[in-house]
Amino acid sequence: MLQLLNMGPATFRHGVHPPELKEETCGLPIRQFPFAPVLTIPLSQHIGKPAVPVVREGQEVQRGQRLAKPDGFLSVSMHAPASGVVRRIGLMPSITGRMVTGIYLEPFPGSTQEVAEGIPCPLDTATPDEIITAIQDAGLVGLGGAGFPTHAKLKLRDDQSIDTLIINGVECEPYLTTDHRVMLEQRDDIYVGIRYLMKVTGARRVIIGIEANKPDAAEHLRAGLPGDLPAEVQVLRVKYPQGAEKMLITAMLGREVPSGKLPIDVHALCCNVATTAEIGRLLPHGRGIQERVITITGPAVQKKGNYRIPIGTPLRFLLDYVGVDPHVNRIFMGGPMMGTAASSLDLAITKGISGVTAFTDAETSFHQRPEHPCIRCGYCVEACPIFLNPSTLGRLAKHENYDRMADEFNLMDCFECGSCSFVCPSHIPLVHYFRVAKSSVRKARAAAP
């Protein structure tokens, strides 16, 4: 760790340097987005079981009211993004490509943006278990894109302990500036959220990690750091995927998370800065998450910016509001490296989507080049941040040898950062192959006796 710091800002080995392309939105303040005529709210916006509706068709609801309750521990609540009428509970398209159950909510004309107060979770008197329950009731998941229920991440076994809490403000994905703006505009919420997280985890030390391309955010957080909070702001070298939690732990703590293990196994826990801010914003008021900050950007977008958007806003309405180039060709839910290409304009903005990036024919023509055979150049091996062999994995994937990929070449350690695909001179869609392979492995293991 000391050696890394002596070299300048900390980082990890391998990785890539895609163009950052953040300058068009990083200076734009967060603006409130209007309500769509109909909000489509999937009941599965997280890893785990879908939430269970607690409202009926035809029922009037108020903004912030709970629409669905958790179905077990690995599940979270859903809340009304607007006051209105539940028109239908039925199937709707999802980002996974599957149809999922959701709630169609029609906002009242002129519906207010205000949210009623709920039952607060007081920081001073609440127990760790009460805070965890409040986080689940608030419907909070990882807002950096993972979608893992935050309360489940915080629930430690008796034999587990955390000494360092890392707040992830890196935001290394090209184009996206959501976390950047949250750090500049929700500083107090972040520090309140940190206090809740420290009480739950028992962490004695907090480090806020920010890449060196956000000096204003680093200075802003340092300037407002409470004197009684054992926290520091650490600036990291600009490199992709610096924001991945395993890379962040290596860069900041000099600890390596072993294959198949989690950060808790090296006594660390990472929490996205936007998630932390929402904990600090919602829990003191007993509210649930019904909107989130999203970057809408890309060459095809006319009114680029950072917007606080109601959960359930259809992609079609979003793009109509900001305006897009008539030659728009591809739209990513997220950024171009780890985002998912939208298969339908009827997809809804969900809790795990931190950006919408739209491209025209001019930008996507490069990515539509034909795939060529692997030339064994080794670029993907040099780029992989977790030291896998994407070339070998790619060849095995083409032969559908998925078991060998998982058993011998650690396929399941891949977190699909896209570094290998980015550097491949043969334009092999390696990440696509790995996603298919991982899905097959998971299904096979779930079906095994």
Protein backbone atom coordinates (compact mmCIF):
# COMPACT_ATOMS: atom_id res chain seq x y z
CA MET A 1 0.00 0.00 0.00
CA LEU A 2 2.79 2.43 0.87
CA GLN A 3 4.53 1.61 -2.36
CA LEU A 4 1.39 2.45 -4.32
CA LEU A 5 0.99 5.74 -2.51
CA ASN A 6 4.60 6.68 -3.18
CA MET A 7 3.88 6.24 -6.90
CA GLY A 8 1.14 8.84 -6.69
CA PRO A 9 -2.59 8.17 -6.48
CA ALA A 10 -3.39 4.55 -5.62
CA THR A 11 -4.61 2.06 -8.20
CA PHE A 12 -4.64 -1.64 -9.12
CA ARG A 13 -2.76 -3.72 -11.68
CA HIS A 14 -4.01 -4.13 -15.26
CA GLY A 15 -7.16 -2.32 -16.45
CA VAL A 16 -7.70 0.01 -19.40
CA HIS A 17 -8.10 3.71 -20.18
CA PRO A 18 -11.22 4.32 -22.27
CA PRO A 19 -12.11 7.95 -23.08
CA GLU A 20 -13.81 9.51 -20.05
CA LEU A 21 -16.28 11.74 -21.95
CA LYS A 22 -17.74 13.26 -18.76
CA GLU A 23 -17.16 16.94 -19.47
CA GLU A 24 -20.60 17.60 -20.97
CA THR A 25 -22.53 16.70 -17.80
CA CYS A 26 -20.14 16.85 -14.83
CA GLY A 27 -20.83 20.57 -14.37
CA LEU A 28 -24.61 20.34 -14.75
CA PRO A 29 -26.59 20.40 -11.47
CA ILE A 30 -29.23 17.78 -10.68
CA ARG A 31 -32.66 18.69 -12.04
CA GLN A 32 -36.06 17.22 -11.17
CA PHE A 33 -37.68 15.12 -13.90
CA PRO A 34 -41.45 15.30 -14.55
CA PHE A 35 -43.87 12.43 -14.10
CA ALA A 36 -44.69 10.30 -17.13
CA PRO A 37 -48.38 9.75 -17.98
CA VAL A 38 -47.98 6.16 -16.75
CA LEU A 39 -45.19 4.83 -14.52
CA THR A 40 -44.27 1.15 -14.90
CA ILE A 41 -42.73 -0.21 -11.72
CA PRO A 42 -41.23 -3.73 -11.92
CA LEU A 43 -41.48 -5.68 -8.67
CA SER A 44 -38.05 -7.18 -9.35
CA GLN A 45 -35.47 -4.39 -9.37
CA HIS A 46 -32.91 -6.19 -7.25
CA ILE A 47 -31.04 -9.44 -6.82
CA GLY A 48 -33.36 -11.78 -4.93
CA LYS A 49 -37.09 -12.50 -4.84
CA PRO A 50 -39.51 -9.93 -6.33
CA ALA A 51 -41.53 -7.82 -3.93
CA VAL A 52 -45.17 -8.75 -3.25
CA PRO A 53 -47.87 -6.16 -4.05
CA VAL A 54 -49.81 -4.71 -1.10
CA VAL A 55 -52.10 -2.59 -3.31
CA ARG A 56 -54.90 -3.57 -5.68
CA GLU A 57 -55.93 -2.44 -9.13
CA GLY A 58 -57.98 0.76 -8.99
CA GLN A 59 -56.54 1.84 -5.63
CA GLU A 60 -55.42 5.44 -5.13
CA VAL A 61 -51.97 5.85 -3.59
CA GLN A 62 -49.86 8.72 -2.32
CA ARG A 63 -46.28 9.47 -3.37
CA GLY A 64 -43.90 7.49 -1.19
CA GLN A 65 -46.57 4.98 -0.12
CA ARG A 66 -45.45 1.36 -0.07
CA LEU A 67 -46.71 -0.53 -3.12
CA ALA A 68 -45.07 -3.88 -2.43
CA LYS A 69 -43.46 -5.57 0.56
CA PRO A 70 -40.31 -7.73 0.67
CA ASP A 71 -40.76 -11.44 0.02
CA GLY A 72 -38.22 -12.76 2.48
CA PHE A 73 -34.82 -11.48 3.53
CA LEU A 74 -33.29 -11.11 0.04
CA SER A 75 -35.99 -8.74 -1.18
CA VAL A 76 -36.94 -5.08 -0.69
CA SER A 77 -39.99 -2.83 -0.66
CA MET A 78 -41.29 -0.80 -3.59
CA HIS A 79 -42.80 2.66 -3.18
CA ALA A 80 -45.06 4.91 -5.23
CA PRO A 81 -43.02 7.39 -7.32
CA ALA A 82 -46.09 9.64 -7.63
CA SER A 83 -49.57 10.05 -6.21
CA GLY A 84 -52.06 8.39 -8.53
CA VAL A 85 -54.13 5.33 -9.34
CA VAL A 86 -52.94 1.75 -9.71
CA ARG A 87 -54.32 0.96 -13.16
CA ARG A 88 -52.99 -2.57 -13.55
CA ILE A 89 -50.77 -5.21 -11.97
CA GLY A 90 -49.37 -7.40 -14.71
CA LEU A 91 -46.43 -8.30 -16.91
CA MET A 92 -44.02 -5.73 -18.31
CA PRO A 93 -40.64 -5.93 -20.12
CA SER A 94 -37.44 -5.85 -18.07
CA ILE A 95 -33.81 -5.08 -18.79
CA THR A 96 -33.03 -8.82 -18.52
CA GLY A 97 -35.15 -9.52 -21.60
CA ARG A 98 -37.75 -11.40 -19.57
CA MET A 99 -41.28 -10.27 -18.82
CA VAL A 100 -41.74 -9.57 -15.11
CA THR A 101 -44.66 -8.62 -12.89
CA GLY A 102 -45.03 -4.93 -12.20
CA ILE A 103 -47.40 -2.14 -11.25
CA TYR A 104 -48.79 0.35 -13.77
CA LEU A 105 -49.37 3.62 -11.92
CA GLU A 106 -51.15 6.60 -13.48
CA PRO A 107 -50.15 9.82 -11.67
CA PHE A 108 -52.83 12.37 -10.82
CA PRO A 109 -52.71 15.51 -13.01
CA GLY A 110 -50.51 18.03 -11.21
CA SER A 111 -49.27 15.42 -8.72
CA THR A 112 -46.92 17.04 -6.22
CA GLN A 113 -43.23 16.14 -5.84
CA GLU A 114 -43.54 16.26 -2.05
CA VAL A 115 -43.27 13.07 0.00
CA ALA A 116 -45.06 12.57 3.31
CA GLU A 117 -43.05 11.92 6.46
CA GLY A 118 -42.92 8.33 7.66
CA ILE A 119 -41.69 6.76 10.89
CA PRO A 120 -38.08 7.96 11.33
CA CYS A 121 -35.20 5.64 12.13
CA PRO A 122 -33.32 7.77 14.69
CA LEU A 123 -29.57 7.38 14.40
CA ASP A 124 -28.90 7.94 18.10
CA THR A 125 -31.31 5.35 19.49
CA ALA A 126 -31.84 2.77 16.73
CA THR A 127 -30.09 -0.58 17.06
CA PRO A 128 -28.11 -2.07 14.16
CA ASP A 129 -30.94 -4.54 13.47
CA GLU A 130 -33.48 -1.72 13.43
CA ILE A 131 -31.35 0.22 10.94
CA ILE A 132 -31.05 -2.85 8.71
CA THR A 133 -34.83 -3.30 8.79
CA ALA A 134 -35.34 0.39 7.99
CA ILE A 135 -33.00 0.11 5.00
CA GLN A 136 -34.95 -2.90 3.70
CA ASP A 137 -38.26 -1.10 4.24
CA ALA A 138 -36.87 1.92 2.36
CA GLY A 139 -36.30 -0.35 -0.65
CA LEU A 140 -32.61 0.49 -0.92
CA VAL A 141 -30.32 -1.49 -3.24
CA GLY A 142 -26.87 -0.81 -4.63
CA LEU A 143 -27.40 2.28 -6.78
CA GLY A 144 -24.07 1.84 -8.55
CA GLY A 145 -25.69 -0.78 -10.77
CA ALA A 146 -25.34 -4.07 -8.91
CA GLY A 147 -28.86 -3.97 -7.48
CA PHE A 148 -27.94 -6.09 -4.47
CA PRO A 149 -30.22 -5.35 -1.47
CA THR A 150 -28.23 -3.02 0.79
CA HIS A 151 -29.59 -4.42 4.05
CA ALA A 152 -28.44 -7.94 3.10
CA LYS A 153 -24.94 -6.66 2.40
CA LEU A 154 -24.83 -5.09 5.87
CA LYS A 155 -26.06 -8.12 7.81
CA LEU A 156 -22.98 -9.71 9.32
CA ARG A 157 -22.65 -13.13 10.90
CA ASP A 158 -21.26 -13.42 14.42
CA ASP A 159 -17.93 -14.64 13.02
CA GLN A 160 -17.58 -11.69 10.62
CA SER A 161 -16.14 -8.25 11.29
CA ILE A 162 -15.35 -5.07 9.38
CA ASP A 163 -12.54 -2.69 10.21
CA THR A 164 -12.82 -0.41 7.15
CA LEU A 165 -15.85 1.00 5.39
CA ILE A 166 -15.14 2.19 1.84
CA ILE A 167 -17.50 4.69 0.24
CA ASN A 168 -17.22 4.26 -3.51
CA GLY A 169 -17.27 7.61 -5.31
CA VAL A 170 -15.00 6.51 -8.16
CA GLU A 171 -17.58 6.36 -10.98
CA CYS A 172 -15.13 5.08 -13.60
CA GLU A 173 -17.77 4.30 -16.25
CA PRO A 174 -17.38 6.64 -19.27
CA TYR A 175 -20.01 9.38 -19.71
CA LEU A 176 -21.67 8.96 -16.31
CA THR A 177 -21.47 11.76 -13.72
CA THR A 178 -24.29 10.81 -11.35
CA ASP A 179 -22.06 10.10 -8.35
CA HIS A 180 -19.98 13.20 -9.09
CA ARG A 181 -23.03 15.45 -8.77
CA VAL A 182 -24.31 13.60 -5.69
CA MET A 183 -20.98 14.25 -3.94
CA LEU A 184 -21.20 17.94 -4.80
CA GLU A 185 -24.87 18.41 -3.94
CA GLN A 186 -25.63 15.88 -1.18
CA ARG A 187 -22.56 16.12 1.04
CA ASP A 188 -24.52 16.25 4.30
CA ASP A 189 -26.66 13.25 3.28
CA ILE A 190 -23.48 11.28 2.59
CA TYR A 191 -22.08 11.97 6.05
CA VAL A 192 -25.37 11.07 7.75
CA GLY A 193 -25.47 7.86 5.69
CA ILE A 194 -21.91 7.03 6.77
CA ARG A 195 -22.91 7.33 10.43
CA TYR A 196 -25.74 4.84 9.90
CA LEU A 197 -23.38 2.45 8.10
CA MET A 198 -20.74 2.70 10.83
CA LYS A 199 -23.29 1.91 13.51
CA VAL A 200 -24.51 -1.16 11.62
CA THR A 201 -21.09 -2.55 10.68
CA GLY A 202 -18.98 -1.48 13.65
CA ALA A 203 -16.34 -0.16 11.25
CA ARG A 204 -13.75 2.04 12.98
CA ARG A 205 -12.43 3.68 9.83
CA VAL A 206 -14.04 5.17 6.71
CA ILE A 207 -12.36 5.99 3.41
CA ILE A 208 -14.14 7.82 0.61
CA GLY A 209 -12.51 6.86 -2.69
CA ILE A 210 -12.67 9.34 -5.58
CA GLU A 211 -10.82 9.25 -8.90
CA ALA A 212 -8.42 12.08 -9.65
CA ASN A 213 -10.67 13.41 -12.43
CA LYS A 214 -13.10 14.74 -9.79
CA PRO A 215 -10.90 17.13 -7.77
CA ASP A 216 -13.84 19.44 -6.99
CA ALA A 217 -15.77 16.58 -5.36
CA ALA A 218 -12.73 15.50 -3.33
CA GLU A 219 -12.11 19.03 -2.05
CA HIS A 220 -15.80 19.62 -1.35
CA LEU A 221 -16.07 16.49 0.78
CA ARG A 222 -12.81 17.22 2.59
CA ALA A 223 -13.93 20.77 3.37
CA GLY A 224 -17.15 19.56 5.02
CA LEU A 225 -15.75 16.51 6.82
CA PRO A 226 -17.15 16.48 10.39
CA GLY A 227 -14.44 16.58 13.02
CA ASP A 228 -15.92 13.65 14.97
CA LEU A 229 -16.17 11.34 11.94
CA PRO A 230 -13.19 8.96 11.52
CA ALA A 231 -13.23 9.39 7.76
CA GLU A 232 -10.81 10.49 5.06
CA VAL A 233 -11.01 11.23 1.36
CA GLN A 234 -8.53 9.34 -0.80
CA VAL A 235 -7.86 10.26 -4.43
CA LEU A 236 -7.23 7.35 -6.78
CA ARG A 237 -5.55 7.15 -10.14
CA VAL A 238 -7.88 7.38 -13.14
CA LYS A 239 -8.21 3.91 -14.61
CA TYR A 240 -11.03 1.58 -15.55
CA PRO A 241 -12.50 -0.39 -13.71
CA GLN A 242 -11.22 1.39 -10.60
CA GLY A 243 -14.76 1.49 -9.18
CA ALA A 244 -15.14 -2.31 -8.95
CA GLU A 245 -15.11 -3.14 -5.26
CA LYS A 246 -12.33 -5.73 -5.46
CA MET A 247 -10.11 -3.29 -7.36
CA LEU A 248 -10.97 -0.54 -4.89
CA ILE A 249 -10.03 -2.67 -1.90
CA THR A 250 -6.71 -3.60 -3.51
CA ALA A 251 -5.92 0.01 -4.40
CA MET A 252 -6.92 1.54 -1.07
CA LEU A 253 -6.09 -1.16 1.47
CA GLY A 254 -3.54 -3.35 -0.29
CA ARG A 255 -5.77 -6.37 0.37
CA GLU A 256 -6.75 -8.95 -2.24
CA VAL A 257 -10.20 -10.53 -2.09
CA PRO A 258 -9.59 -14.25 -2.82
CA SER A 259 -11.37 -16.04 -5.65
CA GLY A 260 -14.91 -16.91 -4.68
CA LYS A 261 -14.81 -14.71 -1.60
CA LEU A 262 -16.37 -11.37 -0.68
CA PRO A 263 -14.96 -8.09 0.69
CA ILE A 264 -16.18 -9.07 4.15
CA ASP A 265 -13.63 -11.90 4.06
CA VAL A 266 -10.85 -9.28 4.16
CA HIS A 267 -12.72 -7.21 6.78
CA ALA A 268 -13.85 -4.49 4.39
CA LEU A 269 -17.19 -3.34 3.06
CA CYS A 270 -17.86 -1.11 0.04
CA CYS A 271 -20.95 1.03 -0.38
CA ASN A 272 -21.70 3.23 -3.37
CA VAL A 273 -21.73 6.94 -2.56
CA ALA A 274 -25.23 7.45 -4.01
CA THR A 275 -26.56 4.56 -1.91
CA THR A 276 -24.92 6.11 1.15
CA ALA A 277 -26.51 9.48 0.37
CA GLU A 278 -29.95 7.88 0.04
CA ILE A 279 -29.55 6.19 3.43
CA GLY A 280 -28.79 9.59 4.93
CA ARG A 281 -31.64 11.25 3.02
CA LEU A 282 -34.41 8.71 3.64
CA LEU A 283 -33.93 7.03 7.02
CA PRO A 284 -34.21 10.18 9.22
CA HIS A 285 -37.64 10.79 7.64
CA GLY A 286 -38.86 7.18 7.41
CA ARG A 287 -39.26 7.39 3.66
CA GLY A 288 -38.77 4.88 0.86
CA ILE A 289 -36.82 5.41 -2.34
CA GLN A 290 -39.13 6.52 -5.14
CA GLU A 291 -36.64 8.32 -7.38
CA ARG A 292 -32.91 8.37 -8.11
CA VAL A 293 -30.29 10.53 -9.82
CA ILE A 294 -29.43 9.46 -13.38
CA THR A 295 -27.10 10.85 -16.03
CA ILE A 296 -28.77 11.14 -19.45
CA THR A 297 -26.06 11.65 -22.03
CA GLY A 298 -24.37 10.48 -25.21
CA PRO A 299 -23.91 11.97 -28.68
CA ALA A 300 -27.56 11.37 -29.59
CA VAL A 301 -29.01 13.26 -26.59
CA GLN A 302 -29.98 16.92 -27.00
CA LYS A 303 -30.65 17.99 -23.38
CA LYS A 304 -27.88 16.14 -21.59
CA GLY A 305 -27.78 16.34 -17.84
CA ASN A 306 -28.17 14.82 -14.41
CA TYR A 307 -31.79 14.30 -13.43
CA ARG A 308 -33.63 13.05 -10.37
CA ILE A 309 -36.01 10.66 -12.09
CA PRO A 310 -39.05 8.84 -10.66
CA ILE A 311 -38.61 5.07 -10.54
CA GLY A 312 -40.75 3.51 -13.26
CA THR A 313 -40.31 6.30 -15.82
CA PRO A 314 -40.54 4.63 -19.27
CA LEU A 315 -37.48 5.01 -21.48
CA ARG A 316 -39.67 6.29 -24.32
CA PHE A 317 -40.97 9.20 -22.21
CA LEU A 318 -37.46 9.96 -20.93
CA LEU A 319 -36.00 10.22 -24.43
CA ASP A 320 -38.92 12.28 -25.72
CA TYR A 321 -38.40 14.76 -22.89
CA VAL A 322 -34.64 15.26 -23.39
CA GLY A 323 -34.79 14.93 -27.19
CA VAL A 324 -32.67 12.61 -29.30
CA ASP A 325 -31.00 12.78 -32.70
CA PRO A 326 -33.15 11.24 -35.48
CA HIS A 327 -30.20 8.97 -36.29
CA VAL A 328 -30.11 7.44 -32.79
CA ASN A 329 -28.92 3.87 -33.20
CA ARG A 330 -28.26 2.32 -29.80
CA ILE A 331 -29.28 3.14 -26.25
CA PHE A 332 -27.53 1.77 -23.19
CA MET A 333 -29.10 1.46 -19.77
CA GLY A 334 -25.93 2.51 -17.98
CA GLY A 335 -22.65 3.37 -19.67
CA PRO A 336 -21.01 1.88 -22.75
CA MET A 337 -18.64 -0.43 -20.85
CA MET A 338 -20.92 -2.25 -18.41
CA GLY A 339 -24.35 -1.04 -19.47
CA THR A 340 -26.97 -3.15 -21.24
CA ALA A 341 -28.29 -2.22 -24.67
CA ALA A 342 -32.00 -1.42 -24.40
CA SER A 343 -34.13 -3.96 -26.26
CA SER A 344 -37.30 -1.89 -25.97
CA LEU A 345 -38.34 1.71 -25.40
CA ASP A 346 -40.95 0.37 -22.97
CA LEU A 347 -38.28 -0.47 -20.40
CA ALA A 348 -38.57 1.45 -17.14
CA ILE A 349 -35.96 3.30 -15.12
CA THR A 350 -35.25 1.09 -12.12
CA LYS A 351 -33.21 1.52 -8.95
CA GLY A 352 -30.05 0.00 -10.38
CA ILE A 353 -29.84 2.20 -13.49
CA SER A 354 -27.40 5.08 -13.01
CA GLY A 355 -27.41 6.38 -16.56
CA VAL A 356 -28.93 6.31 -20.03
CA THR A 357 -26.44 6.74 -22.88
CA ALA A 358 -27.61 7.15 -26.48
CA PHE A 359 -25.48 6.86 -29.62
CA THR A 360 -25.97 7.60 -33.31
CA ASP A 361 -24.93 5.60 -36.37
CA ALA A 362 -21.62 7.47 -36.45
CA GLU A 363 -20.49 6.10 -33.07
CA THR A 364 -21.85 2.57 -33.32
CA SER A 365 -20.52 1.74 -36.78
CA PHE A 366 -17.11 0.98 -35.26
CA HIS A 367 -18.64 -1.55 -32.85
CA GLN A 368 -20.52 -3.30 -35.64
CA ARG A 369 -17.38 -4.56 -37.34
CA PRO A 370 -17.39 -8.31 -38.03
CA GLU A 371 -15.81 -10.63 -35.51
CA HIS A 372 -12.48 -12.21 -36.50
CA PRO A 373 -10.62 -15.22 -35.06
CA CYS A 374 -8.51 -14.72 -31.95
CA ILE A 375 -4.89 -13.94 -32.89
CA ARG A 376 -3.48 -14.79 -29.41
CA CYS A 377 -2.17 -11.24 -28.97
CA GLY A 378 -2.62 -11.33 -25.20
CA TYR A 379 -4.10 -7.83 -24.94
CA CYS A 380 -7.13 -9.16 -23.07
CA VAL A 381 -4.92 -10.97 -20.57
CA GLU A 382 -2.98 -7.78 -19.90
CA ALA A 383 -6.23 -5.82 -19.46
CA CYS A 384 -8.16 -8.17 -17.17
CA PRO A 385 -8.12 -6.63 -13.67
CA ILE A 386 -8.64 -9.98 -11.93
CA PHE A 387 -6.01 -11.84 -13.96
CA LEU A 388 -8.25 -14.22 -15.87
CA ASN A 389 -7.43 -15.48 -19.37
CA PRO A 390 -10.27 -14.07 -21.51
CA SER A 391 -8.75 -15.52 -24.68
CA THR A 392 -8.95 -19.08 -23.39
CA LEU A 393 -12.36 -18.46 -21.86
CA GLY A 394 -13.60 -17.12 -25.18
CA ARG A 395 -12.44 -20.19 -27.09
CA LEU A 396 -14.10 -22.50 -24.55
CA ALA A 397 -17.30 -20.44 -24.73
CA LYS A 398 -17.53 -20.92 -28.50
CA HIS A 399 -17.51 -24.66 -27.91
CA GLU A 400 -20.02 -24.27 -25.05
CA ASN A 401 -17.55 -25.88 -22.65
CA TYR A 402 -19.05 -23.93 -19.78
CA ASP A 403 -18.20 -26.37 -16.98
CA ARG A 404 -14.51 -26.21 -17.79
CA MET A 405 -14.68 -22.41 -17.95
CA ALA A 406 -16.04 -22.34 -14.41
CA ASP A 407 -14.10 -25.20 -12.85
CA GLU A 408 -10.64 -24.62 -14.35
CA PHE A 409 -10.55 -20.99 -15.43
CA ASN A 410 -12.56 -19.17 -12.73
CA LEU A 411 -15.30 -17.87 -15.03
CA MET A 412 -17.55 -16.91 -12.11
CA ASP A 413 -14.95 -14.43 -10.84
CA CYS A 414 -15.54 -12.30 -13.96
CA PHE A 415 -17.62 -9.22 -13.11
CA GLU A 416 -18.14 -8.31 -16.79
CA CYS A 417 -16.25 -5.01 -16.78
CA GLY A 418 -15.70 -5.22 -20.55
CA SER A 419 -11.96 -4.46 -20.49
CA CYS A 420 -11.19 -7.54 -22.58
CA SER A 421 -13.74 -6.67 -25.26
CA PHE A 422 -12.51 -3.07 -25.31
CA VAL A 423 -8.93 -4.01 -26.24
CA CYS A 424 -9.65 -6.98 -28.54
CA PRO A 425 -8.35 -6.22 -32.06
CA SER A 426 -10.47 -9.06 -33.45
CA HIS A 427 -13.70 -7.45 -32.13
CA ILE A 428 -14.68 -10.61 -30.27
CA PRO A 429 -17.66 -9.88 -27.95
CA LEU A 430 -16.02 -11.67 -25.05
CA VAL A 431 -18.27 -10.26 -22.34
CA HIS A 432 -21.36 -11.40 -24.24
CA TYR A 433 -19.97 -14.93 -24.39
CA PHE A 434 -19.12 -14.84 -20.68
CA ARG A 435 -22.62 -13.68 -19.71
CA VAL A 436 -24.17 -16.56 -21.64
CA ALA A 437 -21.72 -19.01 -20.07
CA LYS A 438 -22.30 -17.74 -16.52
CA SER A 439 -26.05 -17.94 -16.97
CA SER A 440 -25.75 -21.54 -18.12
CA VAL A 441 -23.50 -22.44 -15.18
CA ARG A 442 -25.89 -20.87 -12.67
CA LYS A 443 -28.86 -22.75 -14.11
CA ALA A 444 -26.96 -26.04 -14.05
CA ARG A 445 -25.85 -25.53 -10.45
CA ALA A 446 -29.36 -24.54 -9.35
CA ALA A 447 -30.77 -27.72 -10.94
CA ALA A 448 -28.10 -29.99 -9.44
CA PRO A 449 -29.29 -32.22 -6.55
